[in-house]
PDB file of N, CA and C in Angstrom:
ATOM      1  N   MET A   1       1.005  -1.252  -0.005  1.00  0.00           N
ATOM      2  CA  MET A   1      -0.226  -0.042   0.184  1.00  0.00           C
ATOM      3  C   MET A   1       0.922   1.208   0.011  1.00  0.00           C
ATOM      4  N   LEU A   2       1.958   1.241   0.672  1.00  0.00           N
ATOM      5  CA  LEU A   2       2.917   2.375   0.766  1.00  0.00           C
ATOM      6  C   LEU A   2       3.454   2.574  -0.510  1.00  0.00           C
ATOM      7  N   ALA A   3       3.832   1.763  -1.387  1.00  0.00           N
ATOM      8  CA  ALA A   3       4.314   1.888  -2.646  1.00  0.00           C
ATOM      9  C   ALA A   3       3.192   2.526  -3.644  1.00  0.00           C
ATOM     10  N   ARG A   4       1.947   1.882  -3.491  1.00  0.00           N
ATOM     11  CA  ARG A   4       0.974   2.539  -4.178  1.00  0.00           C
ATOM     12  C   ARG A   4       0.748   3.971  -4.000  1.00  0.00           C
ATOM     13  N   GLN A   5       0.609   4.308  -2.589  1.00  0.00           N
ATOM     14  CA  GLN A   5       0.544   5.598  -2.204  1.00  0.00           C
ATOM     15  C   GLN A   5       1.589   6.581  -2.472  1.00  0.00           C
ATOM     16  N   THR A   6       2.838   6.202  -2.462  1.00  0.00           N
ATOM     17  CA  THR A   6       3.937   7.003  -2.628  1.00  0.00           C
ATOM     18  C   THR A   6       4.839   6.964  -3.924  1.00  0.00           C
ATOM     19  N   GLY A   7       4.715   5.803  -4.589  1.00  0.00           N
ATOM     20  CA  GLY A   7       5.372   5.479  -6.091  1.00  0.00           C
ATOM     21  C   GLY A   7       6.830   5.006  -5.656  1.00  0.00           C
ATOM     22  N   MET A   8       7.222   4.819  -4.127  1.00  0.00           N
ATOM     23  CA  MET A   8       8.547   4.516  -4.201  1.00  0.00           C
ATOM     24  C   MET A   8       8.794   3.050  -4.460  1.00  0.00           C
ATOM     25  N   PRO A   9      10.164   2.616  -4.766  1.00  0.00           N
ATOM     26  CA  PRO A   9      10.278   1.393  -5.332  1.00  0.00           C
ATOM     27  C   PRO A   9      10.211   0.502  -4.044  1.00  0.00           C
ATOM     28  N   ILE A  10      10.084  -0.766  -4.419  1.00  0.00           N
ATOM     29  CA  ILE A  10       9.954  -2.036  -3.445  1.00  0.00           C
ATOM     30  C   ILE A  10      11.321  -2.966  -3.566  1.00  0.00           C
ATOM     31  N   HIS A  11      12.051  -3.008  -2.636  1.00  0.00           N
ATOM     32  CA  HIS A  11      13.198  -3.891  -2.509  1.00  0.00           C
ATOM     33  C   HIS A  11      12.908  -4.812  -1.529  1.00  0.00           C
ATOM     34  N   GLY A  12      13.651  -6.246  -1.386  1.00  0.00           N
ATOM     35  CA  GLY A  12      13.582  -7.264  -0.613  1.00  0.00           C
ATOM     36  C   GLY A  12      14.905  -7.066   0.117  1.00  0.00           C
ATOM     37  N   VAL A  13      15.118  -7.072   1.509  1.00  0.00           N
ATOM     38  CA  VAL A  13      16.519  -7.338   1.953  1.00  0.00           C
ATOM     39  C   VAL A  13      16.309  -8.521   3.084  1.00  0.00           C
ATOM     40  N   ARG A  14      17.423  -9.333   2.998  1.00  0.00           N
ATOM     41  CA  ARG A  14      17.659 -10.352   3.957  1.00  0.00           C
ATOM     42  C   ARG A  14      19.240 -10.362   4.417  1.00  0.00           C
ATOM     43  N   VAL A  15      19.174 -10.891   5.716  1.00  0.00           N
ATOM     44  CA  VAL A  15      20.635 -11.407   6.051  1.00  0.00           C
ATOM     45  C   VAL A  15      20.511 -12.901   6.402  1.00  0.00           C
ATOM     46  N   VAL A  16      21.727 -13.439   6.082  1.00  0.00           N
ATOM     47  CA  VAL A  16      21.796 -14.652   6.055  1.00  0.00           C
ATOM     48  C   VAL A  16      22.968 -15.272   7.046  1.00  0.00           C
ATOM     49  N   ARG A  17      22.941 -15.922   8.020  1.00  0.00           N
ATOM     50  CA  ARG A  17      23.922 -16.320   8.841  1.00  0.00           C
ATOM     51  C   ARG A  17      24.986 -17.401   8.218  1.00  0.00           C
ATOM     52  N   LYS A  18      26.224 -16.995   8.125  1.00  0.00           N
ATOM     53  CA  LYS A  18      27.315 -17.881   7.340  1.00  0.00           C
ATOM     54  C   LYS A  18      27.670 -19.107   8.155  1.00  0.00           C
ATOM     55  N   PRO A  19      28.064 -20.216   7.611  1.00  0.00           N
ATOM     56  CA  PRO A  19      28.430 -21.446   8.317  1.00  0.00           C
ATOM     57  C   PRO A  19      29.202 -21.451   9.447  1.00  0.00           C
ATOM     58  N   ASP A  20      29.973 -20.497   9.677  1.00  0.00           N
ATOM     59  CA  ASP A  20      30.644 -20.193  10.946  1.00  0.00           C
ATOM     60  C   ASP A  20      29.798 -20.005  12.130  1.00  0.00           C
ATOM     61  N   GLY A  21      28.691 -19.739  11.979  1.00  0.00           N
ATOM     62  CA  GLY A  21      27.633 -19.286  12.996  1.00  0.00           C
ATOM     63  C   GLY A  21      27.693 -18.026  13.730  1.00  0.00           C
ATOM     64  N   TYR A  22      28.820 -17.232  13.340  1.00  0.00           N
ATOM     65  CA  TYR A  22      29.208 -15.876  14.071  1.00  0.00           C
ATOM     66  C   TYR A  22      29.015 -14.662  13.151  1.00  0.00           C
ATOM     67  N   SER A  23      29.124 -15.006  11.849  1.00  0.00           N
ATOM     68  CA  SER A  23      29.020 -13.800  10.983  1.00  0.00           C
ATOM     69  C   SER A  23      27.671 -13.872  10.005  1.00  0.00           C
ATOM     70  N   PHE A  24      27.501 -12.905   9.343  1.00  0.00           N
ATOM     71  CA  PHE A  24      26.506 -12.862   8.485  1.00  0.00           C
ATOM     72  C   PHE A  24      26.712 -12.095   6.948  1.00  0.00           C
ATOM     73  N   TRP A  25      26.091 -12.333   5.980  1.00  0.00           N
ATOM     74  CA  TRP A  25      26.139 -11.544   5.007  1.00  0.00           C
ATOM     75  C   TRP A  25      24.567 -11.150   4.610  1.00  0.00           C
ATOM     76  N   GLY A  26      24.662  -9.881   4.033  1.00  0.00           N
ATOM     77  CA  GLY A  26      23.280  -9.309   3.624  1.00  0.00           C
ATOM     78  C   GLY A  26      23.235  -8.832   2.328  1.00  0.00           C
ATOM     79  N   GLU A  27      21.721  -8.903   1.665  1.00  0.00           N
ATOM     80  CA  GLU A  27      21.591  -8.628   0.283  1.00  0.00           C
ATOM     81  C   GLU A  27      20.363  -7.909   0.246  1.00  0.00           C
ATOM     82  N   VAL A  28      20.268  -7.039  -0.715  1.00  0.00           N
ATOM     83  CA  VAL A  28      19.250  -6.091  -1.268  1.00  0.00           C
ATOM     84  C   VAL A  28      18.962  -6.546  -2.510  1.00  0.00           C
ATOM     85  N   THR A  29      17.760  -6.711  -2.815  1.00  0.00           N
ATOM     86  CA  THR A  29      17.246  -7.231  -4.191  1.00  0.00           C
ATOM     87  C   THR A  29      17.197  -6.147  -5.023  1.00  0.00           C
ATOM     88  N   ASP A  30      17.073  -6.352  -6.509  1.00  0.00           N
ATOM     89  CA  ASP A  30      16.760  -5.164  -7.440  1.00  0.00           C
ATOM     90  C   ASP A  30      15.344  -4.898  -7.076  1.00  0.00           C
ATOM     91  N   GLU A  31      15.028  -3.782  -7.731  1.00  0.00           N
ATOM     92  CA  GLU A  31      13.791  -3.383  -7.322  1.00  0.00           C
ATOM     93  C   GLU A  31      12.612  -4.464  -7.858  1.00  0.00           C
ATOM     94  N   ILE A  32      11.711  -4.617  -7.033  1.00  0.00           N
ATOM     95  CA  ILE A  32      10.555  -5.412  -7.348  1.00  0.00           C
ATOM     96  C   ILE A  32       9.454  -4.700  -7.846  1.00  0.00           C
ATOM     97  N   GLN A  33       9.208  -5.092  -9.255  1.00  0.00           N
ATOM     98  CA  GLN A  33       7.876  -4.320  -9.992  1.00  0.00           C
ATOM     99  C   GLN A  33       6.678  -4.571  -9.420  1.00  0.00           C
ATOM    100  N   PRO A  34       5.966  -3.646  -9.144  1.00  0.00           N
ATOM    101  CA  PRO A  34       4.590  -3.929  -8.704  1.00  0.00           C
ATOM    102  C   PRO A  34       3.616  -4.449  -9.516  1.00  0.00           C
ATOM    103  N   VAL A  35       2.463  -5.258  -9.571  1.00  0.00           N
ATOM    104  CA  VAL A  35       1.861  -5.800 -10.364  1.00  0.00           C
ATOM    105  C   VAL A  35       0.664  -4.478 -10.695  1.00  0.00           C
ATOM    106  N   ARG A  36       0.228  -4.245 -11.799  1.00  0.00           N
ATOM    107  CA  ARG A  36      -0.638  -3.035 -11.817  1.00  0.00           C
ATOM    108  C   ARG A  36      -1.988  -3.651 -12.652  1.00  0.00           C
ATOM    109  N   ASN A  37      -3.034  -2.971 -12.207  1.00  0.00           N
ATOM    110  CA  ASN A  37      -4.237  -3.331 -12.541  1.00  0.00           C
ATOM    111  C   ASN A  37      -4.561  -2.787 -13.972  1.00  0.00           C
ATOM    112  N   ALA A  38      -5.932  -2.844 -14.663  1.00  0.00           N
ATOM    113  CA  ALA A  38      -6.034  -2.406 -16.052  1.00  0.00           C
ATOM    114  C   ALA A  38      -6.019  -0.865 -16.010  1.00  0.00           C
ATOM    115  N   GLU A  39      -6.533  -0.427 -14.811  1.00  0.00           N
ATOM    116  CA  GLU A  39      -6.386   1.273 -14.792  1.00  0.00           C
ATOM    117  C   GLU A  39      -4.698   1.758 -14.516  1.00  0.00           C
ATOM    118  N   GLY A  40      -3.720   0.783 -14.186  1.00  0.00           N
ATOM    119  CA  GLY A  40      -2.445   1.044 -14.078  1.00  0.00           C
ATOM    120  C   GLY A  40      -2.273   1.547 -12.689  1.00  0.00           C
ATOM    121  N   GLN A  41      -3.069   1.176 -11.768  1.00  0.00           N
ATOM    122  CA  GLN A  41      -2.882   1.318 -10.320  1.00  0.00           C
ATOM    123  C   GLN A  41      -2.208   0.055  -9.535  1.00  0.00           C
ATOM    124  N   VAL A  42      -1.374   0.151  -8.649  1.00  0.00           N
ATOM    125  CA  VAL A  42      -0.822  -0.963  -8.109  1.00  0.00           C
ATOM    126  C   VAL A  42      -1.884  -1.822  -7.579  1.00  0.00           C
ATOM    127  N   ASP A  43      -1.699  -3.094  -7.910  1.00  0.00           N
ATOM    128  CA  ASP A  43      -2.647  -4.186  -7.517  1.00  0.00           C
ATOM    129  C   ASP A  43      -1.926  -4.832  -6.153  1.00  0.00           C
ATOM    130  N   ILE A  44      -2.596  -4.590  -5.014  1.00  0.00           N
ATOM    131  CA  ILE A  44      -1.971  -4.854  -3.876  1.00  0.00           C
ATOM    132  C   ILE A  44      -1.780  -6.220  -3.593  1.00  0.00           C
ATOM    133  N   GLY A  45      -2.974  -7.100  -3.786  1.00  0.00           N
ATOM    134  CA  GLY A  45      -2.938  -8.242  -3.779  1.00  0.00           C
ATOM    135  C   GLY A  45      -2.019  -9.135  -4.510  1.00  0.00           C
ATOM    136  N   GLY A  46      -1.974  -8.748  -5.979  1.00  0.00           N
ATOM    137  CA  GLY A  46      -0.847  -9.204  -6.911  1.00  0.00           C
ATOM    138  C   GLY A  46       0.430  -8.958  -6.416  1.00  0.00           C
ATOM    139  N   THR A  47       0.834  -7.767  -5.858  1.00  0.00           N
ATOM    140  CA  THR A  47       2.141  -7.407  -5.606  1.00  0.00           C
ATOM    141  C   THR A  47       2.816  -8.085  -4.410  1.00  0.00           C
ATOM    142  N   VAL A  48       1.806  -8.243  -3.468  1.00  0.00           N
ATOM    143  CA  VAL A  48       1.939  -9.109  -2.182  1.00  0.00           C
ATOM    144  C   VAL A  48       2.499 -10.567  -2.704  1.00  0.00           C
ATOM    145  N   GLN A  49       1.636 -11.151  -3.549  1.00  0.00           N
ATOM    146  CA  GLN A  49       2.093 -12.397  -3.991  1.00  0.00           C
ATOM    147  C   GLN A  49       3.499 -12.503  -4.646  1.00  0.00           C
ATOM    148  N   VAL A  50       3.782 -11.478  -5.470  1.00  0.00           N
ATOM    149  CA  VAL A  50       5.128 -11.419  -5.946  1.00  0.00           C
ATOM    150  C   VAL A  50       6.174 -11.463  -5.000  1.00  0.00           C
ATOM    151  N   ILE A  51       5.913 -10.596  -3.666  1.00  0.00           N
ATOM    152  CA  ILE A  51       6.911 -10.659  -2.813  1.00  0.00           C
ATOM    153  C   ILE A  51       6.969 -11.873  -1.968  1.00  0.00           C
ATOM    154  N   ALA A  52       5.661 -12.276  -1.886  1.00  0.00           N
ATOM    155  CA  ALA A  52       5.920 -13.730  -1.102  1.00  0.00           C
ATOM    156  C   ALA A  52       6.411 -14.826  -1.972  1.00  0.00           C
ATOM    157  N   HIS A  53       6.633 -14.747  -3.190  1.00  0.00           N
ATOM    158  CA  HIS A  53       7.273 -15.610  -4.235  1.00  0.00           C
ATOM    159  C   HIS A  53       8.816 -15.400  -3.818  1.00  0.00           C
ATOM    160  N   VAL A  54       9.200 -14.172  -3.814  1.00  0.00           N
ATOM    161  CA  VAL A  54      10.599 -13.838  -3.274  1.00  0.00           C
ATOM    162  C   VAL A  54      10.865 -14.413  -2.012  1.00  0.00           C
ATOM    163  N   ILE A  55      10.129 -14.323  -1.156  1.00  0.00           N
ATOM    164  CA  ILE A  55      10.543 -15.005   0.360  1.00  0.00           C
ATOM    165  C   ILE A  55      10.534 -16.374   0.304  1.00  0.00           C
ATOM    166  N   GLU A  56       9.633 -16.803  -0.494  1.00  0.00           N
ATOM    167  CA  GLU A  56       9.613 -18.351  -0.577  1.00  0.00           C
ATOM    168  C   GLU A  56      10.781 -18.765  -1.186  1.00  0.00           C
ATOM    169  N   GLY A  57      11.559 -18.315  -2.072  1.00  0.00           N
ATOM    170  CA  GLY A  57      12.892 -18.624  -2.719  1.00  0.00           C
ATOM    171  C   GLY A  57      13.904 -18.496  -1.576  1.00  0.00           C
ATOM    172  N   TRP A  58      13.687 -17.313  -0.966  1.00  0.00           N
ATOM    173  CA  TRP A  58      14.882 -17.344   0.353  1.00  0.00           C
ATOM    174  C   TRP A  58      14.547 -18.458   1.241  1.00  0.00           C
ATOM    175  N   THR A  59      13.313 -18.721   1.495  1.00  0.00           N
ATOM    176  CA  THR A  59      13.331 -19.763   2.681  1.00  0.00           C
ATOM    177  C   THR A  59      13.695 -21.270   2.004  1.00  0.00           C
ATOM    178  N   ARG A  60      13.516 -21.549   0.963  1.00  0.00           N
ATOM    179  CA  ARG A  60      13.879 -22.704   0.085  1.00  0.00           C
ATOM    180  C   ARG A  60      15.244 -22.763   0.027  1.00  0.00           C
ATOM    181  N   GLU A  61      15.971 -21.653  -0.029  1.00  0.00           N
ATOM    182  CA  GLU A  61      17.430 -21.640  -0.269  1.00  0.00           C
ATOM    183  C   GLU A  61      17.946 -21.906   0.974  1.00  0.00           C
ATOM    184  N   HIS A  62      17.795 -21.557   2.150  1.00  0.00           N
ATOM    185  CA  HIS A  62      18.048 -21.646   3.453  1.00  0.00           C
ATOM    186  C   HIS A  62      17.010 -21.971   4.691  1.00  0.00           C
ATOM    187  N   PRO A  63      16.348 -23.165   4.457  1.00  0.00           N
ATOM    188  CA  PRO A  63      15.212 -23.448   5.290  1.00  0.00           C
ATOM    189  C   PRO A  63      15.737 -23.477   6.676  1.00  0.00           C
ATOM    190  N   GLU A  64      16.845 -23.724   7.069  1.00  0.00           N
ATOM    191  CA  GLU A  64      17.329 -23.935   8.428  1.00  0.00           C
ATOM    192  C   GLU A  64      17.537 -22.550   9.280  1.00  0.00           C
ATOM    193  N   GLN A  65      17.256 -21.577   8.360  1.00  0.00           N
ATOM    194  CA  GLN A  65      17.576 -20.213   8.937  1.00  0.00           C
ATOM    195  C   GLN A  65      16.180 -19.373   8.905  1.00  0.00           C
ATOM    196  N   TRP A  66      15.049 -20.292   8.622  1.00  0.00           N
ATOM    197  CA  TRP A  66      13.844 -19.511   8.682  1.00  0.00           C
ATOM    198  C   TRP A  66      13.170 -19.523  10.058  1.00  0.00           C
ATOM    199  N   LEU A  67      12.475 -18.292  10.374  1.00  0.00           N
ATOM    200  CA  LEU A  67      11.693 -18.403  11.668  1.00  0.00           C
ATOM    201  C   LEU A  67      10.842 -17.209  11.497  1.00  0.00           C
ATOM    202  N   TRP A  68       9.729 -17.406  11.775  1.00  0.00           N
ATOM    203  CA  TRP A  68       8.550 -16.529  11.626  1.00  0.00           C
ATOM    204  C   TRP A  68       7.834 -16.233  12.915  1.00  0.00           C
ATOM    205  N   LEU A  69       7.988 -15.136  13.504  1.00  0.00           N
ATOM    206  CA  LEU A  69       7.558 -14.630  15.030  1.00  0.00           C
ATOM    207  C   LEU A  69       6.155 -14.208  15.121  1.00  0.00           C
ATOM    208  N   HIS A  70       5.253 -14.037  14.067  1.00  0.00           N
ATOM    209  CA  HIS A  70       4.046 -13.637  14.311  1.00  0.00           C
ATOM    210  C   HIS A  70       2.961 -14.192  13.315  1.00  0.00           C
ATOM    211  N   ARG A  71       2.014 -14.103  13.487  1.00  0.00           N
ATOM    212  CA  ARG A  71       0.672 -14.704  12.777  1.00  0.00           C
ATOM    213  C   ARG A  71       0.517 -13.884  11.458  1.00  0.00           C
ATOM    214  N   ARG A  72       1.462 -14.215  10.501  1.00  0.00           N
ATOM    215  CA  ARG A  72       1.068 -13.315   9.441  1.00  0.00           C
ATOM    216  C   ARG A  72      -0.048 -13.677   8.505  1.00  0.00           C
ATOM    217  N   TRP A  73      -0.678 -15.020   8.279  1.00  0.00           N
ATOM    218  CA  TRP A  73      -1.517 -15.652   7.552  1.00  0.00           C
ATOM    219  C   TRP A  73      -2.835 -15.746   8.454  1.00  0.00           C
ATOM    220  N   ARG A  74      -3.134 -14.981   9.348  1.00  0.00           N
ATOM    221  CA  ARG A  74      -4.366 -15.231   9.958  1.00  0.00           C
ATOM    222  C   ARG A  74      -5.602 -15.180   9.176  1.00  0.00           C
TER     223      ARG A  74
END
């Protein structure tokens, strides 16, 4: 909704623990293009699905590091 209201770009950010268990590396994605409806407005549901796909890829890449602390899908 924020991207829809402001036009600001959307980026994903993640931090992954290295095998030594003490250090990390971080990554910022390229801009995630929002899905647009027929009127050219950002389709929130479609855009959330694209973002969820990015998060799913990260989770599948490092499943042992995945932890979700709140009830996102209530």
